[in-house]
PDB file of N, CA and C in Angstrom:
ATOM      1  N   MET A   1       2.399  -6.569  17.237  1.00  0.00           N
ATOM      2  CA  MET A   1       2.208  -7.961  16.887  1.00  0.00           C
ATOM      3  C   MET A   1       2.673  -8.813  18.063  1.00  0.00           C
ATOM      4  N   ASN A   2       1.877  -9.782  18.390  1.00  0.00           N
ATOM      5  CA  ASN A   2       2.237 -10.606  19.536  1.00  0.00           C
ATOM      6  C   ASN A   2       2.300 -12.104  19.232  1.00  0.00           C
ATOM      7  N   GLU A   3       2.137 -12.461  17.958  1.00  0.00           N
ATOM      8  CA  GLU A   3       2.216 -13.879  17.593  1.00  0.00           C
ATOM      9  C   GLU A   3       2.841 -14.017  16.213  1.00  0.00           C
ATOM     10  N   LEU A   4       3.710 -14.989  16.088  1.00  0.00           N
ATOM     11  CA  LEU A   4       4.377 -15.301  14.830  1.00  0.00           C
ATOM     12  C   LEU A   4       3.992 -16.717  14.435  1.00  0.00           C
ATOM     13  N   VAL A   5       3.486 -16.874  13.209  1.00  0.00           N
ATOM     14  CA  VAL A   5       3.105 -18.195  12.701  1.00  0.00           C
ATOM     15  C   VAL A   5       3.914 -18.441  11.426  1.00  0.00           C
ATOM     16  N   ILE A   6       4.710 -19.482  11.440  1.00  0.00           N
ATOM     17  CA  ILE A   6       5.504 -19.839  10.257  1.00  0.00           C
ATOM     18  C   ILE A   6       4.759 -20.929   9.507  1.00  0.00           C
ATOM     19  N   LEU A   7       4.394 -20.631   8.278  1.00  0.00           N
ATOM     20  CA  LEU A   7       3.675 -21.588   7.436  1.00  0.00           C
ATOM     21  C   LEU A   7       4.669 -22.436   6.659  1.00  0.00           C
ATOM     22  N   THR A   8       4.265 -23.634   6.321  1.00  0.00           N
ATOM     23  CA  THR A   8       5.067 -24.504   5.458  1.00  0.00           C
ATOM     24  C   THR A   8       4.216 -24.879   4.260  1.00  0.00           C
ATOM     25  N   VAL A   9       4.718 -24.539   3.078  1.00  0.00           N
ATOM     26  CA  VAL A   9       4.006 -24.836   1.835  1.00  0.00           C
ATOM     27  C   VAL A   9       4.948 -25.658   0.963  1.00  0.00           C
ATOM     28  N   GLU A  10       4.590 -26.925   0.786  1.00  0.00           N
ATOM     29  CA  GLU A  10       5.412 -27.806  -0.050  1.00  0.00           C
ATOM     30  C   GLU A  10       5.022 -27.667  -1.513  1.00  0.00           C
ATOM     31  N   HIS A  11       6.004 -27.860  -2.376  1.00  0.00           N
ATOM     32  CA  HIS A  11       5.723 -27.877  -3.811  1.00  0.00           C
ATOM     33  C   HIS A  11       6.652 -28.857  -4.513  1.00  0.00           C
ATOM     34  N   VAL A  12       6.190 -29.320  -5.647  1.00  0.00           N
ATOM     35  CA  VAL A  12       6.918 -30.308  -6.449  1.00  0.00           C
ATOM     36  C   VAL A  12       7.884 -29.575  -7.371  1.00  0.00           C
ATOM     37  N   LEU A  13       9.079 -30.120  -7.489  1.00  0.00           N
ATOM     38  CA  LEU A  13      10.086 -29.548  -8.380  1.00  0.00           C
ATOM     39  C   LEU A  13      10.144 -30.330  -9.687  1.00  0.00           C
ATOM     40  N   ASN A  14      10.290 -29.643 -10.776  1.00  0.00           N
ATOM     41  CA  ASN A  14      10.512 -30.268 -12.088  1.00  0.00           C
ATOM     42  C   ASN A  14       9.476 -31.326 -12.441  1.00  0.00           C
ATOM     43  N   ASP A  15       8.226 -31.122 -12.029  1.00  0.00           N
ATOM     44  CA  ASP A  15       7.143 -32.074 -12.307  1.00  0.00           C
ATOM     45  C   ASP A  15       7.458 -33.496 -11.845  1.00  0.00           C
ATOM     46  N   ASN A  16       8.286 -33.612 -10.820  1.00  0.00           N
ATOM     47  CA  ASN A  16       8.679 -34.915 -10.296  1.00  0.00           C
ATOM     48  C   ASN A  16       8.204 -35.011  -8.848  1.00  0.00           C
ATOM     49  N   GLU A  17       7.203 -35.867  -8.600  1.00  0.00           N
ATOM     50  CA  GLU A  17       6.629 -36.015  -7.257  1.00  0.00           C
ATOM     51  C   GLU A  17       7.668 -36.405  -6.203  1.00  0.00           C
ATOM     52  N   ASN A  18       8.791 -36.962  -6.637  1.00  0.00           N
ATOM     53  CA  ASN A  18       9.835 -37.357  -5.695  1.00  0.00           C
ATOM     54  C   ASN A  18      10.742 -36.202  -5.303  1.00  0.00           C
ATOM     55  N   GLU A  19      10.647 -35.090  -6.037  1.00  0.00           N
ATOM     56  CA  GLU A  19      11.461 -33.919  -5.732  1.00  0.00           C
ATOM     57  C   GLU A  19      10.554 -32.814  -5.197  1.00  0.00           C
ATOM     58  N   LYS A  20      10.670 -32.556  -3.901  1.00  0.00           N
ATOM     59  CA  LYS A  20       9.830 -31.533  -3.282  1.00  0.00           C
ATOM     60  C   LYS A  20      10.688 -30.536  -2.531  1.00  0.00           C
ATOM     61  N   ALA A  21      10.152 -29.351  -2.407  1.00  0.00           N
ATOM     62  CA  ALA A  21      10.795 -28.289  -1.634  1.00  0.00           C
ATOM     63  C   ALA A  21       9.692 -27.564  -0.876  1.00  0.00           C
ATOM     64  N   SER A  22      10.081 -26.693   0.014  1.00  0.00           N
ATOM     65  CA  SER A  22       9.106 -25.939   0.796  1.00  0.00           C
ATOM     66  C   SER A  22       9.459 -24.465   0.796  1.00  0.00           C
ATOM     67  N   ILE A  23       8.416 -23.645   0.907  1.00  0.00           N
ATOM     68  CA  ILE A  23       8.591 -22.232   1.194  1.00  0.00           C
ATOM     69  C   ILE A  23       7.932 -21.997   2.547  1.00  0.00           C
ATOM     70  N   HIS A  24       8.290 -20.892   3.187  1.00  0.00           N
ATOM     71  CA  HIS A  24       7.802 -20.634   4.546  1.00  0.00           C
ATOM     72  C   HIS A  24       7.330 -19.188   4.715  1.00  0.00           C
ATOM     73  N   PRO A  25       6.150 -18.874   4.175  1.00  0.00           N
ATOM     74  CA  PRO A  25       5.582 -17.556   4.447  1.00  0.00           C
ATOM     75  C   PRO A  25       5.333 -17.419   5.952  1.00  0.00           C
ATOM     76  N   VAL A  26       5.337 -16.188   6.426  1.00  0.00           N
ATOM     77  CA  VAL A  26       5.169 -15.919   7.848  1.00  0.00           C
ATOM     78  C   VAL A  26       3.943 -15.047   8.047  1.00  0.00           C
ATOM     79  N   ILE A  27       3.187 -15.324   9.107  1.00  0.00           N
ATOM     80  CA  ILE A  27       2.059 -14.477   9.489  1.00  0.00           C
ATOM     81  C   ILE A  27       2.376 -13.867  10.847  1.00  0.00           C
ATOM     82  N   LEU A  28       2.224 -12.545  10.923  1.00  0.00           N
ATOM     83  CA  LEU A  28       2.373 -11.808  12.175  1.00  0.00           C
ATOM     84  C   LEU A  28       0.978 -11.408  12.623  1.00  0.00           C
ATOM     85  N   LYS A  29       0.620 -11.798  13.837  1.00  0.00           N
ATOM     86  CA  LYS A  29      -0.729 -11.525  14.329  1.00  0.00           C
ATOM     87  C   LYS A  29      -0.672 -10.573  15.521  1.00  0.00           C
ATOM     88  N   GLY A  30      -1.593  -9.616  15.508  1.00  0.00           N
ATOM     89  CA  GLY A  30      -1.767  -8.709  16.618  1.00  0.00           C
ATOM     90  C   GLY A  30      -3.242  -8.580  16.931  1.00  0.00           C
ATOM     91  N   ALA A  31      -3.559  -7.732  17.879  1.00  0.00           N
ATOM     92  CA  ALA A  31      -4.954  -7.552  18.285  1.00  0.00           C
ATOM     93  C   ALA A  31      -5.809  -6.995  17.152  1.00  0.00           C
ATOM     94  N   LYS A  32      -5.238  -6.095  16.338  1.00  0.00           N
ATOM     95  CA  LYS A  32      -6.020  -5.439  15.288  1.00  0.00           C
ATOM     96  C   LYS A  32      -5.536  -5.723  13.874  1.00  0.00           C
ATOM     97  N   GLU A  33      -4.400  -6.373  13.756  1.00  0.00           N
ATOM     98  CA  GLU A  33      -3.843  -6.603  12.421  1.00  0.00           C
ATOM     99  C   GLU A  33      -3.304  -8.025  12.289  1.00  0.00           C
ATOM    100  N   MET A  34      -3.314  -8.499  11.046  1.00  0.00           N
ATOM    101  CA  MET A  34      -2.672  -9.762  10.712  1.00  0.00           C
ATOM    102  C   MET A  34      -1.956  -9.546   9.382  1.00  0.00           C
ATOM    103  N   VAL A  35      -0.660  -9.793   9.396  1.00  0.00           N
ATOM    104  CA  VAL A  35       0.192  -9.471   8.259  1.00  0.00           C
ATOM    105  C   VAL A  35       0.851 -10.735   7.719  1.00  0.00           C
ATOM    106  N   LEU A  36       0.753 -10.922   6.415  1.00  0.00           N
ATOM    107  CA  LEU A  36       1.431 -12.024   5.728  1.00  0.00           C
ATOM    108  C   LEU A  36       2.713 -11.479   5.119  1.00  0.00           C
ATOM    109  N   VAL A  37       3.829 -12.148   5.389  1.00  0.00           N
ATOM    110  CA  VAL A  37       5.116 -11.755   4.812  1.00  0.00           C
ATOM    111  C   VAL A  37       5.445 -12.769   3.729  1.00  0.00           C
ATOM    112  N   GLY A  38       5.388 -12.309   2.478  1.00  0.00           N
ATOM    113  CA  GLY A  38       5.621 -13.174   1.326  1.00  0.00           C
ATOM    114  C   GLY A  38       4.375 -13.953   0.959  1.00  0.00           C
ATOM    115  N   CYS A  39       4.193 -14.210  -0.334  1.00  0.00           N
ATOM    116  CA  CYS A  39       2.976 -14.928  -0.736  1.00  0.00           C
ATOM    117  C   CYS A  39       3.243 -16.022  -1.764  1.00  0.00           C
ATOM    118  N   GLY A  40       4.471 -16.463  -1.881  1.00  0.00           N
ATOM    119  CA  GLY A  40       4.768 -17.660  -2.652  1.00  0.00           C
ATOM    120  C   GLY A  40       4.705 -17.524  -4.161  1.00  0.00           C
ATOM    121  N   PHE A  41       4.891 -18.652  -4.801  1.00  0.00           N
ATOM    122  CA  PHE A  41       4.869 -18.760  -6.253  1.00  0.00           C
ATOM    123  C   PHE A  41       3.453 -18.538  -6.798  1.00  0.00           C
ATOM    124  N   PRO A  42       3.323 -18.281  -8.108  1.00  0.00           N
ATOM    125  CA  PRO A  42       1.983 -18.194  -8.702  1.00  0.00           C
ATOM    126  C   PRO A  42       1.178 -19.471  -8.423  1.00  0.00           C
ATOM    127  N   GLY A  43      -0.076 -19.294  -8.075  1.00  0.00           N
ATOM    128  CA  GLY A  43      -0.948 -20.422  -7.805  1.00  0.00           C
ATOM    129  C   GLY A  43      -0.817 -21.013  -6.409  1.00  0.00           C
ATOM    130  N   PHE A  44      -0.017 -20.404  -5.566  1.00  0.00           N
ATOM    131  CA  PHE A  44       0.220 -20.945  -4.227  1.00  0.00           C
ATOM    132  C   PHE A  44      -0.741 -20.421  -3.171  1.00  0.00           C
ATOM    133  N   PHE A  45      -1.586 -19.457  -3.486  1.00  0.00           N
ATOM    134  CA  PHE A  45      -2.399 -18.862  -2.428  1.00  0.00           C
ATOM    135  C   PHE A  45      -3.296 -19.887  -1.754  1.00  0.00           C
ATOM    136  N   SER A  46      -3.854 -20.813  -2.509  1.00  0.00           N
ATOM    137  CA  SER A  46      -4.695 -21.842  -1.877  1.00  0.00           C
ATOM    138  C   SER A  46      -3.869 -22.716  -0.933  1.00  0.00           C
ATOM    139  N   LYS A  47      -2.614 -22.979  -1.280  1.00  0.00           N
ATOM    140  CA  LYS A  47      -1.739 -23.763  -0.401  1.00  0.00           C
ATOM    141  C   LYS A  47      -1.391 -22.983   0.865  1.00  0.00           C
ATOM    142  N   ILE A  48      -1.216 -21.691   0.717  1.00  0.00           N
ATOM    143  CA  ILE A  48      -0.943 -20.843   1.881  1.00  0.00           C
ATOM    144  C   ILE A  48      -2.156 -20.849   2.814  1.00  0.00           C
ATOM    145  N   LYS A  49      -3.342 -20.736   2.232  1.00  0.00           N
ATOM    146  CA  LYS A  49      -4.569 -20.787   3.042  1.00  0.00           C
ATOM    147  C   LYS A  49      -4.678 -22.118   3.775  1.00  0.00           C
ATOM    148  N   GLU A  50      -4.406 -23.233   3.075  1.00  0.00           N
ATOM    149  CA  GLU A  50      -4.468 -24.562   3.696  1.00  0.00           C
ATOM    150  C   GLU A  50      -3.488 -24.676   4.855  1.00  0.00           C
ATOM    151  N   SER A  51      -2.282 -24.171   4.672  1.00  0.00           N
ATOM    152  CA  SER A  51      -1.282 -24.220   5.730  1.00  0.00           C
ATOM    153  C   SER A  51      -1.711 -23.375   6.924  1.00  0.00           C
ATOM    154  N   ALA A  52      -2.305 -22.217   6.649  1.00  0.00           N
ATOM    155  CA  ALA A  52      -2.789 -21.351   7.732  1.00  0.00           C
ATOM    156  C   ALA A  52      -3.913 -22.042   8.503  1.00  0.00           C
ATOM    157  N   ILE A  53      -4.855 -22.631   7.787  1.00  0.00           N
ATOM    158  CA  ILE A  53      -5.969 -23.339   8.431  1.00  0.00           C
ATOM    159  C   ILE A  53      -5.447 -24.469   9.317  1.00  0.00           C
ATOM    160  N   ALA A  54      -4.426 -25.174   8.834  1.00  0.00           N
ATOM    161  CA  ALA A  54      -3.848 -26.275   9.613  1.00  0.00           C
ATOM    162  C   ALA A  54      -3.251 -25.791  10.931  1.00  0.00           C
ATOM    163  N   GLN A  55      -2.924 -24.483  10.998  1.00  0.00           N
ATOM    164  CA  GLN A  55      -2.370 -23.905  12.221  1.00  0.00           C
ATOM    165  C   GLN A  55      -3.392 -23.007  12.928  1.00  0.00           C
ATOM    166  N   ASN A  56      -4.662 -23.223  12.608  1.00  0.00           N
ATOM    167  CA  ASN A  56      -5.757 -22.473  13.240  1.00  0.00           C
ATOM    168  C   ASN A  56      -5.669 -20.965  13.018  1.00  0.00           C
ATOM    169  N   VAL A  57      -5.253 -20.577  11.828  1.00  0.00           N
ATOM    170  CA  VAL A  57      -5.190 -19.164  11.452  1.00  0.00           C
ATOM    171  C   VAL A  57      -6.239 -18.912  10.384  1.00  0.00           C
ATOM    172  N   ASN A  58      -7.108 -17.943  10.633  1.00  0.00           N
ATOM    173  CA  ASN A  58      -8.144 -17.574   9.670  1.00  0.00           C
ATOM    174  C   ASN A  58      -7.582 -16.513   8.730  1.00  0.00           C
ATOM    175  N   ILE A  59      -7.220 -16.927   7.535  1.00  0.00           N
ATOM    176  CA  ILE A  59      -6.602 -16.035   6.555  1.00  0.00           C
ATOM    177  C   ILE A  59      -7.532 -14.890   6.146  1.00  0.00           C
ATOM    178  N   ASP A  60      -8.825 -15.045   6.392  1.00  0.00           N
ATOM    179  CA  ASP A  60      -9.785 -13.979   6.085  1.00  0.00           C
ATOM    180  C   ASP A  60      -9.535 -12.732   6.924  1.00  0.00           C
ATOM    181  N   SER A  61      -8.753 -12.852   7.984  1.00  0.00           N
ATOM    182  CA  SER A  61      -8.461 -11.717   8.860  1.00  0.00           C
ATOM    183  C   SER A  61      -7.224 -10.932   8.436  1.00  0.00           C
ATOM    184  N   LEU A  62      -6.606 -11.314   7.313  1.00  0.00           N
ATOM    185  CA  LEU A  62      -5.418 -10.583   6.844  1.00  0.00           C
ATOM    186  C   LEU A  62      -5.736  -9.110   6.615  1.00  0.00           C
ATOM    187  N   THR A  63      -4.816  -8.247   7.041  1.00  0.00           N
ATOM    188  CA  THR A  63      -4.963  -6.810   6.809  1.00  0.00           C
ATOM    189  C   THR A  63      -3.893  -6.269   5.869  1.00  0.00           C
ATOM    190  N   LYS A  64      -2.711  -6.927   5.864  1.00  0.00           N
ATOM    191  CA  LYS A  64      -1.602  -6.446   5.044  1.00  0.00           C
ATOM    192  C   LYS A  64      -0.766  -7.612   4.536  1.00  0.00           C
ATOM    193  N   VAL A  65      -0.053  -7.333   3.452  1.00  0.00           N
ATOM    194  CA  VAL A  65       0.956  -8.253   2.927  1.00  0.00           C
ATOM    195  C   VAL A  65       2.243  -7.459   2.782  1.00  0.00           C
ATOM    196  N   VAL A  66       3.329  -8.003   3.299  1.00  0.00           N
ATOM    197  CA  VAL A  66       4.641  -7.377   3.156  1.00  0.00           C
ATOM    198  C   VAL A  66       5.412  -8.147   2.097  1.00  0.00           C
ATOM    199  N   ILE A  67       5.902  -7.414   1.111  1.00  0.00           N
ATOM    200  CA  ILE A  67       6.745  -7.988   0.067  1.00  0.00           C
ATOM    201  C   ILE A  67       8.166  -7.521   0.342  1.00  0.00           C
ATOM    202  N   THR A  68       9.029  -8.455   0.743  1.00  0.00           N
ATOM    203  CA  THR A  68      10.396  -8.101   1.118  1.00  0.00           C
ATOM    204  C   THR A  68      11.290  -7.841  -0.092  1.00  0.00           C
ATOM    205  N   HIS A  69      10.998  -8.547  -1.177  1.00  0.00           N
ATOM    206  CA  HIS A  69      11.711  -8.343  -2.439  1.00  0.00           C
ATOM    207  C   HIS A  69      10.881  -8.959  -3.560  1.00  0.00           C
ATOM    208  N   GLN A  70      11.292  -8.746  -4.789  1.00  0.00           N
ATOM    209  CA  GLN A  70      10.448  -9.031  -5.942  1.00  0.00           C
ATOM    210  C   GLN A  70      10.662 -10.408  -6.576  1.00  0.00           C
ATOM    211  N   ASP A  71      11.324 -11.332  -5.910  1.00  0.00           N
ATOM    212  CA  ASP A  71      11.508 -12.669  -6.484  1.00  0.00           C
ATOM    213  C   ASP A  71      10.157 -13.378  -6.613  1.00  0.00           C
ATOM    214  N   ILE A  72      10.034 -14.222  -7.612  1.00  0.00           N
ATOM    215  CA  ILE A  72       8.763 -14.876  -7.935  1.00  0.00           C
ATOM    216  C   ILE A  72       8.238 -15.722  -6.778  1.00  0.00           C
ATOM    217  N   ASP A  73       9.121 -16.271  -5.952  1.00  0.00           N
ATOM    218  CA  ASP A  73       8.660 -17.074  -4.821  1.00  0.00           C
ATOM    219  C   ASP A  73       8.150 -16.224  -3.660  1.00  0.00           C
ATOM    220  N   HIS A  74       8.247 -14.915  -3.798  1.00  0.00           N
ATOM    221  CA  HIS A  74       7.743 -13.997  -2.775  1.00  0.00           C
ATOM    222  C   HIS A  74       6.543 -13.182  -3.250  1.00  0.00           C
ATOM    223  N   VAL A  75       6.371 -13.039  -4.561  1.00  0.00           N
ATOM    224  CA  VAL A  75       5.278 -12.212  -5.091  1.00  0.00           C
ATOM    225  C   VAL A  75       4.330 -12.965  -6.023  1.00  0.00           C
ATOM    226  N   GLY A  76       4.607 -14.212  -6.295  1.00  0.00           N
ATOM    227  CA  GLY A  76       3.875 -14.956  -7.317  1.00  0.00           C
ATOM    228  C   GLY A  76       2.372 -15.033  -7.137  1.00  0.00           C
ATOM    229  N   SER A  77       1.895 -15.133  -5.901  1.00  0.00           N
ATOM    230  CA  SER A  77       0.451 -15.245  -5.652  1.00  0.00           C
ATOM    231  C   SER A  77      -0.182 -13.918  -5.227  1.00  0.00           C
ATOM    232  N   LEU A  78       0.559 -12.833  -5.351  1.00  0.00           N
ATOM    233  CA  LEU A  78       0.056 -11.543  -4.895  1.00  0.00           C
ATOM    234  C   LEU A  78      -1.210 -11.112  -5.634  1.00  0.00           C
ATOM    235  N   ALA A  79      -1.243 -11.264  -6.941  1.00  0.00           N
ATOM    236  CA  ALA A  79      -2.432 -10.862  -7.710  1.00  0.00           C
ATOM    237  C   ALA A  79      -3.650 -11.690  -7.300  1.00  0.00           C
ATOM    238  N   GLU A  80      -3.457 -12.987  -7.115  1.00  0.00           N
ATOM    239  CA  GLU A  80      -4.548 -13.867  -6.691  1.00  0.00           C
ATOM    240  C   GLU A  80      -5.058 -13.461  -5.305  1.00  0.00           C
ATOM    241  N   LEU A  81      -4.127 -13.194  -4.394  1.00  0.00           N
ATOM    242  CA  LEU A  81      -4.490 -12.780  -3.045  1.00  0.00           C
ATOM    243  C   LEU A  81      -5.261 -11.455  -3.072  1.00  0.00           C
ATOM    244  N   LYS A  82      -4.748 -10.495  -3.808  1.00  0.00           N
ATOM    245  CA  LYS A  82      -5.380  -9.169  -3.884  1.00  0.00           C
ATOM    246  C   LYS A  82      -6.749  -9.261  -4.568  1.00  0.00           C
ATOM    247  N   SER A  83      -6.882 -10.160  -5.520  1.00  0.00           N
ATOM    248  CA  SER A  83      -8.165 -10.343  -6.191  1.00  0.00           C
ATOM    249  C   SER A  83      -9.219 -10.875  -5.224  1.00  0.00           C
ATOM    250  N   GLU A  84      -8.813 -11.784  -4.366  1.00  0.00           N
ATOM    251  CA  GLU A  84      -9.751 -12.381  -3.410  1.00  0.00           C
ATOM    252  C   GLU A  84     -10.006 -11.476  -2.199  1.00  0.00           C
ATOM    253  N   TYR A  85      -8.992 -10.719  -1.799  1.00  0.00           N
ATOM    254  CA  TYR A  85      -9.084  -9.841  -0.630  1.00  0.00           C
ATOM    255  C   TYR A  85      -8.661  -8.425  -1.037  1.00  0.00           C
ATOM    256  N   SER A  86      -9.534  -7.732  -1.716  1.00  0.00           N
ATOM    257  CA  SER A  86      -9.186  -6.430  -2.292  1.00  0.00           C
ATOM    258  C   SER A  86      -8.885  -5.358  -1.250  1.00  0.00           C
ATOM    259  N   ASN A  87      -9.314  -5.552  -0.014  1.00  0.00           N
ATOM    260  CA  ASN A  87      -9.086  -4.550   1.025  1.00  0.00           C
ATOM    261  C   ASN A  87      -7.700  -4.644   1.655  1.00  0.00           C
ATOM    262  N   ILE A  88      -6.942  -5.695   1.363  1.00  0.00           N
ATOM    263  CA  ILE A  88      -5.618  -5.875   1.951  1.00  0.00           C
ATOM    264  C   ILE A  88      -4.645  -4.841   1.398  1.00  0.00           C
ATOM    265  N   LYS A  89      -3.868  -4.247   2.298  1.00  0.00           N
ATOM    266  CA  LYS A  89      -2.829  -3.298   1.888  1.00  0.00           C
ATOM    267  C   LYS A  89      -1.546  -4.063   1.592  1.00  0.00           C
ATOM    268  N   ILE A  90      -0.836  -3.615   0.559  1.00  0.00           N
ATOM    269  CA  ILE A  90       0.431  -4.229   0.170  1.00  0.00           C
ATOM    270  C   ILE A  90       1.552  -3.267   0.529  1.00  0.00           C
ATOM    271  N   LEU A  91       2.514  -3.771   1.274  1.00  0.00           N
ATOM    272  CA  LEU A  91       3.666  -2.967   1.675  1.00  0.00           C
ATOM    273  C   LEU A  91       4.901  -3.496   0.959  1.00  0.00           C
ATOM    274  N   ALA A  92       5.570  -2.615   0.226  1.00  0.00           N
ATOM    275  CA  ALA A  92       6.775  -2.999  -0.508  1.00  0.00           C
ATOM    276  C   ALA A  92       7.659  -1.772  -0.669  1.00  0.00           C
ATOM    277  N   ASP A  93       8.933  -1.997  -0.877  1.00  0.00           N
ATOM    278  CA  ASP A  93       9.894  -0.930  -1.063  1.00  0.00           C
ATOM    279  C   ASP A  93       9.984  -0.594  -2.550  1.00  0.00           C
ATOM    280  N   ILE A  94       9.629   0.623  -2.904  1.00  0.00           N
ATOM    281  CA  ILE A  94       9.664   1.050  -4.302  1.00  0.00           C
ATOM    282  C   ILE A  94      11.081   0.938  -4.884  1.00  0.00           C
ATOM    283  N   LYS A  95      12.102   1.081  -4.054  1.00  0.00           N
ATOM    284  CA  LYS A  95      13.484   0.983  -4.521  1.00  0.00           C
ATOM    285  C   LYS A  95      13.820  -0.424  -5.008  1.00  0.00           C
ATOM    286  N   LYS A  96      13.128  -1.417  -4.485  1.00  0.00           N
ATOM    287  CA  LYS A  96      13.375  -2.806  -4.882  1.00  0.00           C
ATOM    288  C   LYS A  96      12.532  -3.223  -6.073  1.00  0.00           C
ATOM    289  N   SER A  97      11.641  -2.352  -6.503  1.00  0.00           N
ATOM    290  CA  SER A  97      10.732  -2.659  -7.596  1.00  0.00           C
ATOM    291  C   SER A  97      11.495  -2.772  -8.912  1.00  0.00           C
ATOM    292  N   ARG A  98      11.023  -3.655  -9.784  1.00  0.00           N
ATOM    293  CA  ARG A  98      11.619  -3.816 -11.100  1.00  0.00           C
ATOM    294  C   ARG A  98      10.928  -2.946 -12.137  1.00  0.00           C
ATOM    295  N   ILE A  99       9.995  -2.131 -11.684  1.00  0.00           N
ATOM    296  CA  ILE A  99       9.234  -1.296 -12.616  1.00  0.00           C
ATOM    297  C   ILE A  99      10.061  -0.087 -13.027  1.00  0.00           C
TER     298      ILE A  99
END
């Protein structure tokens, strides 16, 4: 991997437009692979795509997703992402799984 892209995805807290927070998924880019680390809360995949586009990253080139741990802010959009890009490989530690 020779490029690191830090995405910024803002979201509203407690249904209050005045209370916002951000998450920062990371994209690692190489000549043959593009890896997303973390995929945000449920319903965030479109926001992740928008943030990537704003940084000139074509999310259609993703090859893998790394899940560092099972918190909802890291796995929430995984099903949506996998549904849209079924060829993407998911990397996660089985020891950290809640299954």
